[in-house]
Amino acid sequence: SHMHRRLRTGVTRAARVPERLKKFTRGAAWAAWVAGAADAAENYCLTQMLVNPAADGYAWPAALFATIKFVVLGVTLGWWLVMYVQFARGSARTA
């Protein structure tokens, strides 16, 4: 089936990645949860600013959480792109 072929191709691609890079890649994948938590915290701060405009103490934390979110996402997506270009691109034609 098509799904079985895609799964087998993904496993074949993953097998080409050196073990030391797999560990970092797993860490980058788990870091996406950090981005999600930072996004939730940012949303909380922004909501507090909307509900109570006098609550100006939420502006810096919102900016900090947004920065964390985008840095983590940038690193994670950048790493995914590097891994894709290095190990997966072109293997779909040969699989």
Protein backbone atom coordinates (compact mmCIF):
# COMPACT_ATOMS: atom_id res chain seq x y z
CA SER A 1 0.00 0.00 0.00
CA HIS A 2 0.97 3.62 -0.43
CA MET A 3 1.18 4.26 3.33
CA HIS A 4 3.40 1.21 3.86
CA ARG A 5 5.75 2.45 1.13
CA ARG A 6 5.94 5.93 2.70
CA LEU A 7 6.69 4.43 6.11
CA ARG A 8 9.36 2.14 4.69
CA THR A 9 10.92 5.10 2.82
CA GLY A 10 10.97 7.16 6.05
CA VAL A 11 12.69 4.35 7.93
CA THR A 12 15.23 3.97 5.12
CA ARG A 13 15.94 7.70 5.21
CA ALA A 14 16.31 7.67 9.00
CA ALA A 15 18.76 4.77 8.72
CA ARG A 16 21.08 7.00 6.66
CA VAL A 17 21.40 9.61 9.42
CA PRO A 18 24.46 9.06 11.65
CA GLU A 19 23.62 8.12 15.25
CA ARG A 20 25.13 11.29 16.74
CA LEU A 21 22.85 13.39 14.52
CA LYS A 22 19.81 11.29 15.39
CA LYS A 23 20.20 12.22 19.05
CA PHE A 24 20.30 15.94 18.25
CA THR A 25 17.37 15.52 15.85
CA ARG A 26 15.28 13.87 18.57
CA GLY A 27 16.19 16.73 20.89
CA ALA A 28 15.14 19.26 18.27
CA ALA A 29 11.83 17.46 17.84
CA TRP A 30 11.19 17.54 21.58
CA ALA A 31 12.17 21.22 21.65
CA ALA A 32 9.06 21.93 19.59
CA TRP A 33 7.12 21.32 22.82
CA VAL A 34 9.12 24.15 24.40
CA ALA A 35 7.97 26.40 21.56
CA GLY A 36 4.37 25.35 22.22
CA ALA A 37 4.67 26.09 25.93
CA ALA A 38 6.28 29.47 25.19
CA ASP A 39 3.42 30.24 22.79
CA ALA A 40 0.84 29.40 25.45
CA ALA A 41 2.64 31.58 28.00
CA GLU A 42 2.87 34.42 25.48
CA ASN A 43 -0.85 34.13 24.75
CA TYR A 44 -1.61 34.25 28.46
CA CYS A 45 0.42 37.45 28.87
CA LEU A 46 -1.21 39.05 25.82
CA THR A 47 -4.66 38.10 27.09
CA GLN A 48 -3.90 39.69 30.46
CA MET A 49 -2.87 42.86 28.65
CA LEU A 50 -6.16 42.89 26.71
CA VAL A 51 -8.33 42.17 29.74
CA ASN A 52 -6.58 44.69 31.96
CA PRO A 53 -4.85 47.44 29.96
CA ALA A 54 -3.23 48.72 33.16
CA ALA A 55 -1.34 45.41 33.51
CA ASP A 56 1.74 46.67 31.71
CA GLY A 57 3.91 44.17 33.59
CA TYR A 58 2.95 41.50 31.03
CA ALA A 59 4.58 43.18 28.02
CA TRP A 60 8.16 42.05 28.71
CA PRO A 61 7.24 38.46 29.57
CA ALA A 62 5.12 38.28 26.39
CA ALA A 63 8.07 39.52 24.32
CA LEU A 64 10.44 37.09 26.05
CA PHE A 65 8.13 34.11 25.44
CA ALA A 66 7.66 35.14 21.80
CA THR A 67 11.44 35.35 21.36
CA ILE A 68 11.91 31.90 22.90
CA LYS A 69 9.17 30.50 20.67
CA PHE A 70 10.64 31.86 17.45
CA VAL A 71 14.23 30.96 18.29
CA VAL A 72 13.25 27.37 19.10
CA LEU A 73 11.10 27.11 15.97
CA GLY A 74 13.85 28.63 13.83
CA VAL A 75 16.46 26.20 15.11
CA THR A 76 14.09 23.23 14.86
CA LEU A 77 12.88 24.02 11.35
CA GLY A 78 16.39 24.92 10.22
CA TRP A 79 17.69 21.60 11.51
CA TRP A 80 14.86 19.75 9.77
CA LEU A 81 15.71 21.48 6.50
CA VAL A 82 19.42 20.65 6.83
CA MET A 83 18.62 17.00 7.58
CA TYR A 84 16.17 16.83 4.68
CA VAL A 85 18.62 18.29 2.20
CA GLN A 86 21.50 16.17 3.51
CA PHE A 87 19.82 12.78 3.85
CA ALA A 88 16.31 12.61 2.39
CA ARG A 89 16.24 14.69 -0.74
CA GLY A 90 16.57 12.57 -3.82
CA SER A 91 16.11 9.29 -1.93
CA ALA A 92 12.40 9.29 -2.82
CA ARG A 93 13.38 8.68 -6.44
CA THR A 94 15.56 5.75 -5.53
CA ALA A 95 13.20 4.20 -2.96
